[in-house]
């Protein structure tokens, strides 16, 4: 099951990944005054969509 999920994550459209990256950047920009909030947002994104976060950060 987990292997299938990982493989499927490779087929998400590039535009979807870019949209998520932009959304994450906007969220971080809004919390620029608080490093702790920035970290929380990044962890929240990773927790909800680990495959998305992987593609955004390392893709």
PDB file of N, CA and C in Angstrom:
ATOM      1  N   UNK A   1       0.829  -1.201   0.000  1.00  0.00           N
ATOM      2  CA  UNK A   1       0.000   0.000   0.000  1.00  0.00           C
ATOM      3  C   UNK A   1       0.866   1.254   0.000  1.00  0.00           C
ATOM      4  N   UNK A   2       1.824   1.313   0.906  1.00  0.00           N
ATOM      5  CA  UNK A   2       2.676   2.500   0.999  1.00  0.00           C
ATOM      6  C   UNK A   2       3.497   2.687  -0.275  1.00  0.00           C
ATOM      7  N   UNK A   3       3.975   1.591  -0.840  1.00  0.00           N
ATOM      8  CA  UNK A   3       4.765   1.691  -2.066  1.00  0.00           C
ATOM      9  C   UNK A   3       3.922   2.265  -3.197  1.00  0.00           C
ATOM     10  N   UNK A   4       2.663   1.834  -3.297  1.00  0.00           N
ATOM     11  CA  UNK A   4       1.779   2.353  -4.342  1.00  0.00           C
ATOM     12  C   UNK A   4       1.579   3.855  -4.178  1.00  0.00           C
ATOM     13  N   UNK A   5       1.395   4.299  -2.945  1.00  0.00           N
ATOM     14  CA  UNK A   5       1.189   5.722  -2.690  1.00  0.00           C
ATOM     15  C   UNK A   5       2.414   6.520  -3.123  1.00  0.00           C
ATOM     16  N   UNK A   6       3.592   6.017  -2.823  1.00  0.00           N
ATOM     17  CA  UNK A   6       4.818   6.709  -3.214  1.00  0.00           C
ATOM     18  C   UNK A   6       4.926   6.797  -4.727  1.00  0.00           C
ATOM     19  N   UNK A   7       4.601   5.709  -5.418  1.00  0.00           N
ATOM     20  CA  UNK A   7       4.683   5.711  -6.873  1.00  0.00           C
ATOM     21  C   UNK A   7       3.690   6.693  -7.475  1.00  0.00           C
ATOM     22  N   UNK A   8       2.484   6.732  -6.929  1.00  0.00           N
ATOM     23  CA  UNK A   8       1.468   7.643  -7.447  1.00  0.00           C
ATOM     24  C   UNK A   8       1.895   9.098  -7.293  1.00  0.00           C
ATOM     25  N   UNK A   9       2.646   9.393  -6.254  1.00  0.00           N
ATOM     26  CA  UNK A   9       3.044  10.782  -6.017  1.00  0.00           C
ATOM     27  C   UNK A   9       3.932  11.304  -7.139  1.00  0.00           C
ATOM     28  N   UNK A  10       4.555  10.413  -7.891  1.00  0.00           N
ATOM     29  CA  UNK A  10       5.423  10.844  -8.987  1.00  0.00           C
ATOM     30  C   UNK A  10       4.630  11.316 -10.201  1.00  0.00           C
ATOM     31  N   UNK A  11       3.327  11.044 -10.215  1.00  0.00           N
ATOM     32  CA  UNK A  11       2.523  11.358 -11.393  1.00  0.00           C
ATOM     33  C   UNK A  11       1.654  12.596 -11.229  1.00  0.00           C
ATOM     34  N   UNK A  12       1.771  13.271 -10.101  1.00  0.00           N
ATOM     35  CA  UNK A  12       0.984  14.496  -9.925  1.00  0.00           C
ATOM     36  C   UNK A  12       1.445  15.548 -10.930  1.00  0.00           C
ATOM     37  N   UNK A  13       0.509  16.289 -11.518  1.00  0.00           N
ATOM     38  CA  UNK A  13       0.864  17.319 -12.512  1.00  0.00           C
ATOM     39  C   UNK A  13       1.802  18.362 -11.922  1.00  0.00           C
ATOM     40  N   UNK A  14       2.711  18.824 -12.739  1.00  0.00           N
ATOM     41  CA  UNK A  14       3.681  19.826 -12.285  1.00  0.00           C
ATOM     42  C   UNK A  14       2.970  21.091 -11.815  1.00  0.00           C
ATOM     43  N   UNK A  15       1.890  21.446 -12.498  1.00  0.00           N
ATOM     44  CA  UNK A  15       1.172  22.670 -12.127  1.00  0.00           C
ATOM     45  C   UNK A  15       0.601  22.552 -10.720  1.00  0.00           C
ATOM     46  N   UNK A  16       0.189  21.349 -10.327  1.00  0.00           N
ATOM     47  CA  UNK A  16      -0.350  21.146  -8.982  1.00  0.00           C
ATOM     48  C   UNK A  16       0.744  21.356  -7.944  1.00  0.00           C
ATOM     49  N   UNK A  17       1.915  20.832  -8.229  1.00  0.00           N
ATOM     50  CA  UNK A  17       3.045  20.995  -7.317  1.00  0.00           C
ATOM     51  C   UNK A  17       3.409  22.470  -7.182  1.00  0.00           C
ATOM     52  N   UNK A  18       3.405  23.182  -8.319  1.00  0.00           N
ATOM     53  CA  UNK A  18       3.740  24.603  -8.290  1.00  0.00           C
ATOM     54  C   UNK A  18       2.707  25.389  -7.489  1.00  0.00           C
ATOM     55  N   UNK A  19       1.444  25.017  -7.631  1.00  0.00           N
ATOM     56  CA  UNK A  19       0.385  25.710  -6.894  1.00  0.00           C
ATOM     57  C   UNK A  19       0.566  25.507  -5.397  1.00  0.00           C
ATOM     58  N   UNK A  20       0.909  24.295  -5.001  1.00  0.00           N
ATOM     59  CA  UNK A  20       1.112  24.003  -3.582  1.00  0.00           C
ATOM     60  C   UNK A  20       2.348  24.746  -3.070  1.00  0.00           C
ATOM     61  N   UNK A  21       3.391  24.802  -3.895  1.00  0.00           N
ATOM     62  CA  UNK A  21       4.602  25.515  -3.496  1.00  0.00           C
ATOM     63  C   UNK A  21       4.300  26.997  -3.299  1.00  0.00           C
ATOM     64  N   UNK A  22       3.500  27.565  -4.199  1.00  0.00           N
ATOM     65  CA  UNK A  22       3.139  28.975  -4.088  1.00  0.00           C
ATOM     66  C   UNK A  22       2.299  29.216  -2.839  1.00  0.00           C
ATOM     67  N   UNK A  23       1.379  28.306  -2.573  1.00  0.00           N
ATOM     68  CA  UNK A  23       0.527  28.442  -1.390  1.00  0.00           C
ATOM     69  C   UNK A  23       1.372  28.377  -0.125  1.00  0.00           C
ATOM     70  N   UNK A  24       2.336  27.484  -0.112  1.00  0.00           N
ATOM     71  CA  UNK A  24       3.209  27.357   1.057  1.00  0.00           C
ATOM     72  C   UNK A  24       4.065  28.606   1.228  1.00  0.00           C
ATOM     73  N   UNK A  25       4.552  29.141   0.116  1.00  0.00           N
ATOM     74  CA  UNK A  25       5.365  30.354   0.180  1.00  0.00           C
ATOM     75  C   UNK A  25       4.550  31.520   0.731  1.00  0.00           C
ATOM     76  N   UNK A  26       3.304  31.628   0.298  1.00  0.00           N
ATOM     77  CA  UNK A  26       2.437  32.696   0.785  1.00  0.00           C
ATOM     78  C   UNK A  26       2.183  32.540   2.279  1.00  0.00           C
ATOM     79  N   UNK A  27       1.974  31.316   2.713  1.00  0.00           N
ATOM     80  CA  UNK A  27       1.715  31.068   4.128  1.00  0.00           C
ATOM     81  C   UNK A  27       2.935  31.443   4.967  1.00  0.00           C
ATOM     82  N   UNK A  28       4.109  31.117   4.466  1.00  0.00           N
ATOM     83  CA  UNK A  28       5.339  31.453   5.184  1.00  0.00           C
ATOM     84  C   UNK A  28       5.550  32.966   5.192  1.00  0.00           C
ATOM     85  N   UNK A  29       5.236  33.620   4.072  1.00  0.00           N
ATOM     86  CA  UNK A  29       5.404  35.069   3.992  1.00  0.00           C
ATOM     87  C   UNK A  29       4.506  35.775   5.005  1.00  0.00           C
ATOM     88  N   UNK A  30       3.308  35.236   5.207  1.00  0.00           N
ATOM     89  CA  UNK A  30       2.379  35.857   6.157  1.00  0.00           C
ATOM     90  C   UNK A  30       2.874  35.705   7.589  1.00  0.00           C
ATOM     91  N   UNK A  31       3.710  34.698   7.842  1.00  0.00           N
ATOM     92  CA  UNK A  31       4.167  34.460   9.210  1.00  0.00           C
ATOM     93  C   UNK A  31       5.644  34.806   9.363  1.00  0.00           C
ATOM     94  N   UNK A  32       6.142  35.673   8.482  1.00  0.00           N
ATOM     95  CA  UNK A  32       7.570  35.985   8.448  1.00  0.00           C
ATOM     96  C   UNK A  32       8.053  36.578   9.764  1.00  0.00           C
ATOM     97  N   UNK A  33       7.155  37.161  10.532  1.00  0.00           N
ATOM     98  CA  UNK A  33       7.556  37.808  11.784  1.00  0.00           C
ATOM     99  C   UNK A  33       7.736  36.805  12.912  1.00  0.00           C
ATOM    100  N   UNK A  34       7.321  35.566  12.686  1.00  0.00           N
ATOM    101  CA  UNK A  34       7.427  34.566  13.737  1.00  0.00           C
ATOM    102  C   UNK A  34       8.033  33.273  13.190  1.00  0.00           C
ATOM    103  N   UNK A  35       9.312  33.035  13.432  1.00  0.00           N
ATOM    104  CA  UNK A  35       9.958  31.803  12.964  1.00  0.00           C
ATOM    105  C   UNK A  35       9.240  30.553  13.456  1.00  0.00           C
ATOM    106  N   UNK A  36       8.693  30.620  14.662  1.00  0.00           N
ATOM    107  CA  UNK A  36       8.002  29.456  15.201  1.00  0.00           C
ATOM    108  C   UNK A  36       6.753  29.148  14.382  1.00  0.00           C
ATOM    109  N   UNK A  37       6.023  30.193  13.991  1.00  0.00           N
ATOM    110  CA  UNK A  37       4.833  30.003  13.173  1.00  0.00           C
ATOM    111  C   UNK A  37       5.211  29.448  11.807  1.00  0.00           C
ATOM    112  N   UNK A  38       6.308  29.932  11.266  1.00  0.00           N
ATOM    113  CA  UNK A  38       6.776  29.452   9.964  1.00  0.00           C
ATOM    114  C   UNK A  38       7.043  27.957  10.027  1.00  0.00           C
ATOM    115  N   UNK A  39       7.724  27.530  11.079  1.00  0.00           N
ATOM    116  CA  UNK A  39       8.031  26.115  11.241  1.00  0.00           C
ATOM    117  C   UNK A  39       6.751  25.302  11.380  1.00  0.00           C
ATOM    118  N   UNK A  40       5.800  25.829  12.142  1.00  0.00           N
ATOM    119  CA  UNK A  40       4.535  25.130  12.340  1.00  0.00           C
ATOM    120  C   UNK A  40       3.806  24.943  11.022  1.00  0.00           C
ATOM    121  N   UNK A  41       3.791  25.990  10.191  1.00  0.00           N
ATOM    122  CA  UNK A  41       3.118  25.900   8.893  1.00  0.00           C
ATOM    123  C   UNK A  41       3.796  24.854   8.015  1.00  0.00           C
ATOM    124  N   UNK A  42       5.115  24.849   7.994  1.00  0.00           N
ATOM    125  CA  UNK A  42       5.844  23.886   7.179  1.00  0.00           C
ATOM    126  C   UNK A  42       5.553  22.464   7.647  1.00  0.00           C
ATOM    127  N   UNK A  43       5.538  22.254   8.955  1.00  0.00           N
ATOM    128  CA  UNK A  43       5.255  20.931   9.492  1.00  0.00           C
ATOM    129  C   UNK A  43       3.818  20.519   9.208  1.00  0.00           C
ATOM    130  N   UNK A  44       2.899  21.481   9.266  1.00  0.00           N
ATOM    131  CA  UNK A  44       1.500  21.179   8.988  1.00  0.00           C
ATOM    132  C   UNK A  44       1.335  20.741   7.543  1.00  0.00           C
ATOM    133  N   UNK A  45       1.974  21.449   6.622  1.00  0.00           N
ATOM    134  CA  UNK A  45       1.905  21.075   5.208  1.00  0.00           C
ATOM    135  C   UNK A  45       2.485  19.682   5.011  1.00  0.00           C
ATOM    136  N   UNK A  46       3.609  19.410   5.642  1.00  0.00           N
ATOM    137  CA  UNK A  46       4.255  18.111   5.481  1.00  0.00           C
ATOM    138  C   UNK A  46       3.383  17.001   6.065  1.00  0.00           C
ATOM    139  N   UNK A  47       2.740  17.285   7.208  1.00  0.00           N
ATOM    140  CA  UNK A  47       1.925  16.279   7.870  1.00  0.00           C
ATOM    141  C   UNK A  47       0.706  15.925   7.031  1.00  0.00           C
ATOM    142  N   UNK A  48       0.088  16.941   6.404  1.00  0.00           N
ATOM    143  CA  UNK A  48      -1.120  16.700   5.613  1.00  0.00           C
ATOM    144  C   UNK A  48      -0.805  16.080   4.256  1.00  0.00           C
ATOM    145  N   UNK A  49       0.283  16.511   3.629  1.00  0.00           N
ATOM    146  CA  UNK A  49       0.621  16.049   2.278  1.00  0.00           C
ATOM    147  C   UNK A  49       2.119  15.752   2.165  1.00  0.00           C
ATOM    148  N   UNK A  50       2.570  14.660   2.767  1.00  0.00           N
ATOM    149  CA  UNK A  50       4.004  14.369   2.776  1.00  0.00           C
ATOM    150  C   UNK A  50       4.600  14.258   1.374  1.00  0.00           C
ATOM    151  N   UNK A  51       3.866  13.634   0.433  1.00  0.00           N
ATOM    152  CA  UNK A  51       4.408  13.480  -0.917  1.00  0.00           C
ATOM    153  C   UNK A  51       4.513  14.833  -1.606  1.00  0.00           C
ATOM    154  N   UNK A  52       3.530  15.718  -1.376  1.00  0.00           N
ATOM    155  CA  UNK A  52       3.576  17.056  -1.963  1.00  0.00           C
ATOM    156  C   UNK A  52       4.786  17.811  -1.428  1.00  0.00           C
ATOM    157  N   UNK A  53       4.966  17.777  -0.122  1.00  0.00           N
ATOM    158  CA  UNK A  53       6.063  18.520   0.485  1.00  0.00           C
ATOM    159  C   UNK A  53       7.405  18.003  -0.037  1.00  0.00           C
ATOM    160  N   UNK A  54       7.495  16.692  -0.231  1.00  0.00           N
ATOM    161  CA  UNK A  54       8.740  16.123  -0.754  1.00  0.00           C
ATOM    162  C   UNK A  54       9.036  16.686  -2.143  1.00  0.00           C
ATOM    163  N   UNK A  55       8.004  16.729  -2.992  1.00  0.00           N
ATOM    164  CA  UNK A  55       8.199  17.234  -4.350  1.00  0.00           C
ATOM    165  C   UNK A  55       8.545  18.717  -4.339  1.00  0.00           C
ATOM    166  N   UNK A  56       7.922  19.474  -3.443  1.00  0.00           N
ATOM    167  CA  UNK A  56       8.150  20.915  -3.380  1.00  0.00           C
ATOM    168  C   UNK A  56       9.572  21.217  -2.924  1.00  0.00           C
ATOM    169  N   UNK A  57      10.041  20.495  -1.917  1.00  0.00           N
ATOM    170  CA  UNK A  57      11.329  20.831  -1.329  1.00  0.00           C
ATOM    171  C   UNK A  57      12.511  20.206  -2.067  1.00  0.00           C
ATOM    172  N   UNK A  58      12.307  19.024  -2.637  1.00  0.00           N
ATOM    173  CA  UNK A  58      13.435  18.314  -3.224  1.00  0.00           C
ATOM    174  C   UNK A  58      13.269  18.036  -4.717  1.00  0.00           C
ATOM    175  N   UNK A  59      12.082  18.318  -5.255  1.00  0.00           N
ATOM    176  CA  UNK A  59      11.812  17.973  -6.654  1.00  0.00           C
ATOM    177  C   UNK A  59      12.508  18.893  -7.629  1.00  0.00           C
TER     178      UNK A  59
END
